[in-house]
Structure formats: structure tokens, C-alpha cells
Amino acid sequence: MKNYIIDGNNLIGKIKTLNQIHKKNKKQSAEKLAFLIARFFHMKKVSVSLHFDGFQADITRVAGIKIIYSGNLTADEKIKNEIGQSKNPKNIILITSDGNLAEFGRVCSCQVIKSEEFSKLLLSSGFDEEKSRIEELNNPEEFKKLFGVK
């Protein structure tokens, strides 16, 4: 099974509306990214871990995605640890544009996709910024309703 490891803050920076939300509300942008990714991977037989820097006491649960906050480490360190602990890193697809992290992934035999490229895939798969209405959904509860999360 393919294992997607996603550098969350890096990807948020490549999606204009999420980046704008991130400047005001980091938790909200992280939640919206998680829901978009969940919809993208819905019904696909993959595992997905979405990494963010810092602490998050109230972690939003999103079906099919493991959301990981780095705590005292950086998200890059947590991602490197996850890759290092993998039994088969060739099954890992790392989503990041961080040069150091991408190089680490390549050295470990992971496939690396730049965040810019993945954001285009994400948005071109019917999740373009207008259709997703993420700029309109400033209320996280409304966003959760849209994606069927209780």
C-alpha cells in the first residue's frame, strides 16, 4: 500500500486561499487542508499522514488521515522519523517543497512530489478554489457539515 506523507504547512503555502486563512487562523487552515485531502484520497487504498509544526491539544479527526503535530520537534524531524521507521520507504510518497526534506526522502528511496505539483493535482481534481468555496466557509462547523464530519 502506498503511504503519503504530507508536509502540511508547506502545502498550505502553495494554495492561495488556505495560505490567506493560515495567516489569520492556523488551526482553521490545517482543518480545511485535511478535509480537502480526505476528499482527494476518498476510496483510494492508501495511508495518509499529514504533518504540522507545533502543538495541537484539540486535534480534528478526519476519516482516512492521520494528523500529526510535531510537538517539541519540527514537522520535518517528525517526517524524517516516520520515513526512517518505515519497513518499506519505496512505498512512501513524500509531498514537500522543502529541499532538505525532499533530499532526505530521495536518499531513503521515497518518491517525492513537490507541494506545488500536488496542489495542482488537488485543485484540478474538482477541488478548485471556487468550487470548494473555502473562502466562504469561515465557520469550521459549516465546513465539517459539507464533508460529512460530525
N, C-alpha and C. Protein backbone atom coordinates (compact mmCIF):
# COMPACT_ATOMS: atom_id res chain seq x y z
N MET A 1 0.84 -1.18 0.00
CA MET A 1 0.00 0.00 0.00
C MET A 1 0.89 1.24 0.00
N LYS A 2 0.51 2.23 -0.80
CA LYS A 2 1.24 3.48 -0.84
C LYS A 2 0.96 4.29 0.43
N ASN A 3 1.99 4.96 0.91
CA ASN A 3 1.88 5.76 2.12
C ASN A 3 2.26 7.20 1.76
N TYR A 4 1.31 8.09 1.80
CA TYR A 4 1.56 9.50 1.53
C TYR A 4 1.91 10.20 2.84
N ILE A 5 3.05 10.88 2.82
CA ILE A 5 3.46 11.71 3.96
C ILE A 5 3.46 13.14 3.45
N ILE A 6 2.66 13.99 4.07
CA ILE A 6 2.45 15.35 3.57
C ILE A 6 2.94 16.38 4.57
N ASP A 7 3.78 17.28 4.08
CA ASP A 7 4.28 18.42 4.84
C ASP A 7 3.18 19.49 4.79
N GLY A 8 2.31 19.50 5.79
CA GLY A 8 1.10 20.30 5.78
C GLY A 8 1.29 21.80 5.61
N ASN A 9 2.15 22.40 6.42
CA ASN A 9 2.35 23.85 6.32
C ASN A 9 2.95 24.22 4.97
N ASN A 10 3.81 23.37 4.46
CA ASN A 10 4.42 23.61 3.16
C ASN A 10 3.35 23.61 2.06
N LEU A 11 2.42 22.66 2.13
CA LEU A 11 1.36 22.57 1.14
C LEU A 11 0.37 23.73 1.29
N ILE A 12 0.06 24.11 2.50
CA ILE A 12 -0.84 25.26 2.71
C ILE A 12 -0.28 26.50 2.02
N GLY A 13 1.03 26.67 2.08
CA GLY A 13 1.67 27.83 1.45
C GLY A 13 1.54 27.86 -0.05
N LYS A 14 1.17 26.74 -0.67
CA LYS A 14 1.04 26.66 -2.13
C LYS A 14 -0.41 26.79 -2.61
N ILE A 15 -1.35 26.87 -1.67
CA ILE A 15 -2.77 27.02 -2.02
C ILE A 15 -3.22 28.40 -1.52
N LYS A 16 -3.46 29.29 -2.45
CA LYS A 16 -3.66 30.72 -2.15
C LYS A 16 -4.67 30.98 -1.03
N THR A 17 -5.86 30.43 -1.15
CA THR A 17 -6.88 30.74 -0.14
C THR A 17 -6.54 30.14 1.22
N LEU A 18 -5.96 28.95 1.22
CA LEU A 18 -5.56 28.37 2.51
C LEU A 18 -4.43 29.17 3.14
N ASN A 19 -3.52 29.67 2.32
CA ASN A 19 -2.42 30.48 2.83
C ASN A 19 -2.95 31.77 3.46
N GLN A 20 -3.97 32.36 2.84
CA GLN A 20 -4.57 33.58 3.41
C GLN A 20 -5.25 33.28 4.74
N ILE A 21 -5.95 32.17 4.81
CA ILE A 21 -6.60 31.77 6.07
C ILE A 21 -5.54 31.48 7.13
N HIS A 22 -4.45 30.83 6.72
CA HIS A 22 -3.37 30.43 7.63
C HIS A 22 -2.77 31.64 8.36
N LYS A 23 -2.71 32.77 7.68
CA LYS A 23 -2.15 33.99 8.29
C LYS A 23 -3.00 34.46 9.46
N LYS A 24 -4.31 34.15 9.44
CA LYS A 24 -5.22 34.59 10.49
C LYS A 24 -5.53 33.48 11.49
N ASN A 25 -5.62 32.24 10.99
CA ASN A 25 -6.08 31.13 11.84
C ASN A 25 -5.43 29.83 11.37
N LYS A 26 -4.33 29.47 12.00
CA LYS A 26 -3.57 28.28 11.60
C LYS A 26 -4.39 26.99 11.72
N LYS A 27 -5.16 26.88 12.80
CA LYS A 27 -5.95 25.67 13.02
C LYS A 27 -6.99 25.50 11.92
N GLN A 28 -7.64 26.57 11.56
CA GLN A 28 -8.68 26.51 10.54
C GLN A 28 -8.09 26.12 9.18
N SER A 29 -6.94 26.68 8.83
CA SER A 29 -6.33 26.31 7.54
C SER A 29 -5.90 24.85 7.54
N ALA A 30 -5.40 24.37 8.68
CA ALA A 30 -4.99 22.97 8.79
C ALA A 30 -6.20 22.05 8.64
N GLU A 31 -7.31 22.40 9.27
CA GLU A 31 -8.53 21.60 9.17
C GLU A 31 -9.03 21.55 7.73
N LYS A 32 -9.06 22.69 7.09
CA LYS A 32 -9.57 22.73 5.72
C LYS A 32 -8.68 21.93 4.78
N LEU A 33 -7.38 22.01 4.98
CA LEU A 33 -6.47 21.20 4.17
C LEU A 33 -6.73 19.72 4.41
N ALA A 34 -6.90 19.34 5.66
CA ALA A 34 -7.16 17.93 5.99
C ALA A 34 -8.43 17.43 5.31
N PHE A 35 -9.49 18.23 5.31
CA PHE A 35 -10.73 17.82 4.66
C PHE A 35 -10.58 17.71 3.14
N LEU A 36 -9.85 18.66 2.54
CA LEU A 36 -9.61 18.58 1.10
C LEU A 36 -8.82 17.33 0.74
N ILE A 37 -7.82 17.02 1.53
CA ILE A 37 -7.00 15.83 1.28
C ILE A 37 -7.83 14.57 1.47
N ALA A 38 -8.68 14.57 2.49
CA ALA A 38 -9.53 13.40 2.73
C ALA A 38 -10.45 13.15 1.53
N ARG A 39 -11.00 14.21 0.98
CA ARG A 39 -11.86 14.07 -0.20
C ARG A 39 -11.05 13.58 -1.41
N PHE A 40 -9.84 14.08 -1.55
CA PHE A 40 -8.98 13.69 -2.68
C PHE A 40 -8.66 12.19 -2.63
N PHE A 41 -8.38 11.67 -1.44
CA PHE A 41 -7.98 10.28 -1.30
C PHE A 41 -9.15 9.34 -0.98
N HIS A 42 -10.36 9.88 -0.89
CA HIS A 42 -11.54 9.07 -0.58
C HIS A 42 -11.63 7.88 -1.53
N MET A 43 -11.83 6.70 -0.97
CA MET A 43 -11.99 5.46 -1.72
C MET A 43 -10.70 4.96 -2.39
N LYS A 44 -9.57 5.54 -2.05
CA LYS A 44 -8.29 5.04 -2.56
C LYS A 44 -7.63 4.24 -1.45
N LYS A 45 -6.98 3.16 -1.82
CA LYS A 45 -6.33 2.31 -0.83
C LYS A 45 -4.91 2.81 -0.59
N VAL A 46 -4.82 3.86 0.23
CA VAL A 46 -3.55 4.47 0.60
C VAL A 46 -3.63 4.85 2.08
N SER A 47 -2.47 5.05 2.68
CA SER A 47 -2.47 5.65 4.01
C SER A 47 -1.90 7.06 3.86
N VAL A 48 -2.39 7.96 4.68
CA VAL A 48 -2.00 9.37 4.58
C VAL A 48 -1.69 9.89 5.97
N SER A 49 -0.49 10.48 6.12
CA SER A 49 -0.18 11.21 7.35
C SER A 49 0.12 12.66 6.97
N LEU A 50 -0.53 13.55 7.67
CA LEU A 50 -0.44 14.99 7.41
C LEU A 50 0.25 15.62 8.61
N HIS A 51 1.42 16.22 8.37
CA HIS A 51 2.26 16.74 9.45
C HIS A 51 2.20 18.27 9.53
N PHE A 52 2.10 18.76 10.78
CA PHE A 52 2.13 20.19 11.06
C PHE A 52 3.11 20.47 12.19
N ASP A 53 3.67 21.67 12.19
CA ASP A 53 4.55 22.10 13.28
C ASP A 53 3.72 22.44 14.51
N GLY A 54 4.33 22.26 15.69
CA GLY A 54 3.75 22.75 16.93
C GLY A 54 2.87 21.76 17.67
N PHE A 55 2.12 22.33 18.60
CA PHE A 55 1.25 21.56 19.48
C PHE A 55 -0.20 21.79 19.09
N GLN A 56 -1.00 20.79 19.23
CA GLN A 56 -2.42 20.95 18.99
C GLN A 56 -3.16 20.08 19.99
N ALA A 57 -3.77 20.71 20.97
CA ALA A 57 -4.47 19.96 22.01
C ALA A 57 -5.77 19.36 21.48
N ASP A 58 -6.46 20.10 20.64
CA ASP A 58 -7.77 19.67 20.13
C ASP A 58 -7.61 19.26 18.66
N ILE A 59 -7.12 18.05 18.44
CA ILE A 59 -6.86 17.59 17.08
C ILE A 59 -8.16 17.17 16.42
N THR A 60 -8.42 17.75 15.26
CA THR A 60 -9.59 17.39 14.49
C THR A 60 -9.38 16.00 13.90
N ARG A 61 -10.37 15.18 13.98
CA ARG A 61 -10.29 13.84 13.40
C ARG A 61 -10.91 13.88 12.00
N VAL A 62 -10.17 13.36 11.05
CA VAL A 62 -10.64 13.32 9.67
C VAL A 62 -10.47 11.88 9.19
N ALA A 63 -11.54 11.30 8.69
CA ALA A 63 -11.50 9.90 8.26
C ALA A 63 -10.43 9.68 7.20
N GLY A 64 -9.61 8.67 7.41
CA GLY A 64 -8.62 8.28 6.42
C GLY A 64 -7.30 9.02 6.50
N ILE A 65 -7.19 9.96 7.42
CA ILE A 65 -5.95 10.74 7.53
C ILE A 65 -5.46 10.74 8.97
N LYS A 66 -4.19 10.51 9.12
CA LYS A 66 -3.56 10.61 10.44
C LYS A 66 -2.93 12.01 10.50
N ILE A 67 -3.42 12.85 11.40
CA ILE A 67 -2.89 14.21 11.55
C ILE A 67 -1.89 14.20 12.69
N ILE A 68 -0.68 14.68 12.40
CA ILE A 68 0.41 14.63 13.37
C ILE A 68 0.95 16.03 13.59
N TYR A 69 0.96 16.45 14.85
CA TYR A 69 1.61 17.71 15.22
C TYR A 69 2.96 17.37 15.82
N SER A 70 3.95 18.20 15.54
CA SER A 70 5.34 17.86 15.85
C SER A 70 5.73 18.04 17.31
N GLY A 71 4.94 18.77 18.09
CA GLY A 71 5.29 18.99 19.49
C GLY A 71 6.58 19.79 19.60
N ASN A 72 7.54 19.27 20.37
CA ASN A 72 8.81 19.97 20.57
C ASN A 72 9.76 19.86 19.39
N LEU A 73 9.47 18.97 18.47
CA LEU A 73 10.30 18.81 17.28
C LEU A 73 9.75 19.68 16.16
N THR A 74 10.43 19.67 15.02
CA THR A 74 9.86 20.32 13.84
C THR A 74 9.08 19.25 13.07
N ALA A 75 8.18 19.70 12.23
CA ALA A 75 7.44 18.75 11.39
C ALA A 75 8.41 17.97 10.51
N ASP A 76 9.46 18.64 10.04
CA ASP A 76 10.47 17.96 9.21
C ASP A 76 11.12 16.80 9.97
N GLU A 77 11.43 17.01 11.23
CA GLU A 77 12.04 15.95 12.03
C GLU A 77 11.07 14.78 12.21
N LYS A 78 9.79 15.09 12.46
CA LYS A 78 8.79 14.03 12.61
C LYS A 78 8.62 13.25 11.31
N ILE A 79 8.64 13.95 10.20
CA ILE A 79 8.52 13.30 8.89
C ILE A 79 9.73 12.39 8.66
N LYS A 80 10.92 12.89 8.95
CA LYS A 80 12.13 12.08 8.80
C LYS A 80 12.07 10.83 9.69
N ASN A 81 11.56 11.00 10.90
CA ASN A 81 11.41 9.85 11.80
C ASN A 81 10.44 8.82 11.22
N GLU A 82 9.33 9.29 10.66
CA GLU A 82 8.34 8.37 10.08
C GLU A 82 8.95 7.62 8.89
N ILE A 83 9.70 8.33 8.06
CA ILE A 83 10.36 7.67 6.93
C ILE A 83 11.39 6.66 7.44
N GLY A 84 12.18 7.07 8.43
CA GLY A 84 13.21 6.20 8.98
C GLY A 84 12.66 4.93 9.62
N GLN A 85 11.46 5.00 10.17
CA GLN A 85 10.85 3.84 10.83
C GLN A 85 10.07 2.96 9.86
N SER A 86 9.94 3.38 8.63
CA SER A 86 9.18 2.62 7.65
C SER A 86 9.90 1.34 7.26
N LYS A 87 9.14 0.27 7.14
CA LYS A 87 9.72 -1.01 6.71
C LYS A 87 10.03 -1.00 5.22
N ASN A 88 9.27 -0.21 4.45
CA ASN A 88 9.49 -0.16 3.02
C ASN A 88 9.34 1.28 2.51
N PRO A 89 10.40 2.11 2.61
CA PRO A 89 10.30 3.50 2.20
C PRO A 89 10.00 3.69 0.71
N LYS A 90 10.17 2.63 -0.10
CA LYS A 90 9.84 2.74 -1.52
C LYS A 90 8.34 2.92 -1.74
N ASN A 91 7.55 2.59 -0.74
CA ASN A 91 6.10 2.77 -0.83
C ASN A 91 5.65 4.15 -0.35
N ILE A 92 6.61 4.99 0.06
CA ILE A 92 6.28 6.32 0.57
C ILE A 92 6.32 7.34 -0.57
N ILE A 93 5.28 8.17 -0.59
CA ILE A 93 5.24 9.31 -1.49
C ILE A 93 5.25 10.54 -0.59
N LEU A 94 6.34 11.28 -0.62
CA LEU A 94 6.53 12.45 0.22
C LEU A 94 6.12 13.70 -0.53
N ILE A 95 5.22 14.48 0.07
CA ILE A 95 4.75 15.73 -0.53
C ILE A 95 5.39 16.88 0.24
N THR A 96 6.36 17.54 -0.40
CA THR A 96 7.04 18.69 0.21
C THR A 96 7.80 19.46 -0.86
N SER A 97 8.04 20.72 -0.59
CA SER A 97 8.92 21.52 -1.43
C SER A 97 10.15 21.95 -0.64
N ASP A 98 10.27 21.45 0.58
CA ASP A 98 11.44 21.73 1.41
C ASP A 98 12.61 20.93 0.84
N GLY A 99 13.64 21.63 0.38
CA GLY A 99 14.77 20.98 -0.29
C GLY A 99 15.47 19.93 0.55
N ASN A 100 15.74 20.26 1.81
CA ASN A 100 16.43 19.34 2.71
C ASN A 100 15.60 18.07 2.94
N LEU A 101 14.33 18.26 3.19
CA LEU A 101 13.44 17.13 3.45
C LEU A 101 13.26 16.28 2.18
N ALA A 102 13.11 16.94 1.04
CA ALA A 102 12.97 16.21 -0.22
C ALA A 102 14.20 15.37 -0.50
N GLU A 103 15.38 15.92 -0.26
CA GLU A 103 16.62 15.18 -0.48
C GLU A 103 16.71 13.97 0.45
N PHE A 104 16.32 14.15 1.70
CA PHE A 104 16.29 13.04 2.65
C PHE A 104 15.37 11.93 2.12
N GLY A 105 14.20 12.32 1.64
CA GLY A 105 13.26 11.35 1.09
C GLY A 105 13.84 10.59 -0.09
N ARG A 106 14.49 11.31 -0.99
CA ARG A 106 15.10 10.65 -2.16
C ARG A 106 16.19 9.67 -1.75
N VAL A 107 17.03 10.08 -0.80
CA VAL A 107 18.11 9.21 -0.32
C VAL A 107 17.53 7.92 0.29
N CYS A 108 16.35 8.04 0.90
CA CYS A 108 15.70 6.87 1.52
C CYS A 108 14.83 6.10 0.53
N SER A 109 14.90 6.43 -0.74
CA SER A 109 14.16 5.74 -1.81
C SER A 109 12.67 6.08 -1.87
N CYS A 110 12.28 7.20 -1.29
CA CYS A 110 10.89 7.63 -1.38
C CYS A 110 10.67 8.36 -2.71
N GLN A 111 9.43 8.32 -3.17
CA GLN A 111 9.07 9.17 -4.30
C GLN A 111 8.75 10.55 -3.72
N VAL A 112 9.24 11.60 -4.33
CA VAL A 112 8.99 12.95 -3.83
C VAL A 112 8.20 13.74 -4.86
N ILE A 113 7.12 14.35 -4.40
CA ILE A 113 6.32 15.24 -5.24
C ILE A 113 6.33 16.61 -4.59
N LYS A 114 6.67 17.63 -5.37
CA LYS A 114 6.69 18.99 -4.83
C LYS A 114 5.28 19.42 -4.46
N SER A 115 5.19 20.22 -3.42
CA SER A 115 3.89 20.71 -2.96
C SER A 115 3.15 21.46 -4.06
N GLU A 116 3.89 22.21 -4.88
CA GLU A 116 3.26 22.95 -5.99
C GLU A 116 2.55 22.00 -6.94
N GLU A 117 3.21 20.89 -7.26
CA GLU A 117 2.63 19.90 -8.18
C GLU A 117 1.41 19.22 -7.56
N PHE A 118 1.54 18.85 -6.28
CA PHE A 118 0.43 18.17 -5.62
C PHE A 118 -0.76 19.11 -5.46
N SER A 119 -0.50 20.38 -5.18
CA SER A 119 -1.62 21.32 -5.03
C SER A 119 -2.37 21.45 -6.35
N LYS A 120 -1.65 21.40 -7.48
CA LYS A 120 -2.33 21.44 -8.78
C LYS A 120 -3.19 20.19 -8.98
N LEU A 121 -2.67 19.03 -8.60
CA LEU A 121 -3.46 17.80 -8.69
C LEU A 121 -4.70 17.90 -7.81
N LEU A 122 -4.50 18.38 -6.60
CA LEU A 122 -5.60 18.51 -5.65
C LEU A 122 -6.68 19.44 -6.19
N LEU A 123 -6.26 20.58 -6.71
CA LEU A 123 -7.22 21.58 -7.19
C LEU A 123 -7.82 21.22 -8.54
N SER A 124 -7.09 20.49 -9.37
CA SER A 124 -7.62 20.13 -10.69
C SER A 124 -8.54 18.93 -10.63
N SER A 125 -8.63 18.28 -9.51
CA SER A 125 -9.48 17.10 -9.37
C SER A 125 -10.88 17.47 -8.91
N GLY A 126 -11.36 18.62 -9.35
CA GLY A 126 -12.71 19.02 -8.96
C GLY A 126 -12.72 19.79 -7.66
N PHE A 127 -11.55 20.11 -7.13
CA PHE A 127 -11.48 20.84 -5.87
C PHE A 127 -10.89 22.22 -6.09
N ASP A 128 -11.22 22.84 -7.24
CA ASP A 128 -10.64 24.16 -7.47
C ASP A 128 -11.15 25.12 -6.42
N GLU A 129 -10.46 26.23 -6.30
CA GLU A 129 -10.74 27.14 -5.19
C GLU A 129 -12.16 27.69 -5.21
N GLU A 130 -12.74 27.89 -6.39
CA GLU A 130 -14.11 28.39 -6.44
C GLU A 130 -15.09 27.30 -6.02
N LYS A 131 -14.91 26.10 -6.54
CA LYS A 131 -15.85 25.02 -6.24
C LYS A 131 -15.80 24.63 -4.77
N SER A 132 -14.63 24.61 -4.19
CA SER A 132 -14.53 24.18 -2.80
C SER A 132 -15.08 25.22 -1.83
N ARG A 133 -15.17 26.48 -2.30
CA ARG A 133 -15.75 27.58 -1.51
C ARG A 133 -15.05 27.78 -0.18
N ILE A 134 -13.78 27.42 -0.09
CA ILE A 134 -13.13 27.51 1.21
C ILE A 134 -13.06 28.94 1.75
N GLU A 135 -13.05 29.92 0.84
CA GLU A 135 -13.03 31.29 1.35
C GLU A 135 -14.37 31.69 1.95
N GLU A 136 -15.45 31.03 1.52
CA GLU A 136 -16.77 31.33 2.06
C GLU A 136 -17.03 30.62 3.38
N LEU A 137 -16.36 29.53 3.59
CA LEU A 137 -16.65 28.70 4.75
C LEU A 137 -15.73 29.05 5.92
N ASN A 138 -15.93 30.20 6.47
CA ASN A 138 -15.10 30.63 7.59
C ASN A 138 -15.51 29.97 8.90
N ASN A 139 -16.67 29.36 8.90
CA ASN A 139 -17.14 28.65 10.08
C ASN A 139 -16.74 27.18 9.95
N PRO A 140 -15.85 26.69 10.81
CA PRO A 140 -15.40 25.30 10.71
C PRO A 140 -16.55 24.29 10.78
N GLU A 141 -17.62 24.61 11.51
CA GLU A 141 -18.75 23.69 11.62
C GLU A 141 -19.44 23.52 10.27
N GLU A 142 -19.56 24.61 9.51
CA GLU A 142 -20.16 24.52 8.18
C GLU A 142 -19.29 23.68 7.25
N PHE A 143 -17.98 23.85 7.37
CA PHE A 143 -17.04 23.08 6.55
C PHE A 143 -17.15 21.60 6.89
N LYS A 144 -17.27 21.29 8.17
CA LYS A 144 -17.42 19.89 8.59
C LYS A 144 -18.71 19.30 8.04
N LYS A 145 -19.80 20.07 8.05
CA LYS A 145 -21.06 19.59 7.50
C LYS A 145 -20.92 19.28 6.03
N LEU A 146 -20.24 20.14 5.29
CA LEU A 146 -20.03 19.95 3.87
C LEU A 146 -19.38 18.62 3.57
N PHE A 147 -18.43 18.22 4.43
CA PHE A 147 -17.68 16.99 4.20
C PHE A 147 -18.19 15.83 5.06
N GLY A 148 -19.33 16.00 5.69
CA GLY A 148 -19.96 14.89 6.41
C GLY A 148 -19.27 14.47 7.69
N VAL A 149 -18.57 15.40 8.34
CA VAL A 149 -17.87 15.09 9.58
C VAL A 149 -18.70 15.61 10.73
N LYS A 150 -18.84 14.78 11.76
CA LYS A 150 -19.65 15.19 12.92
C LYS A 150 -18.78 15.79 13.99
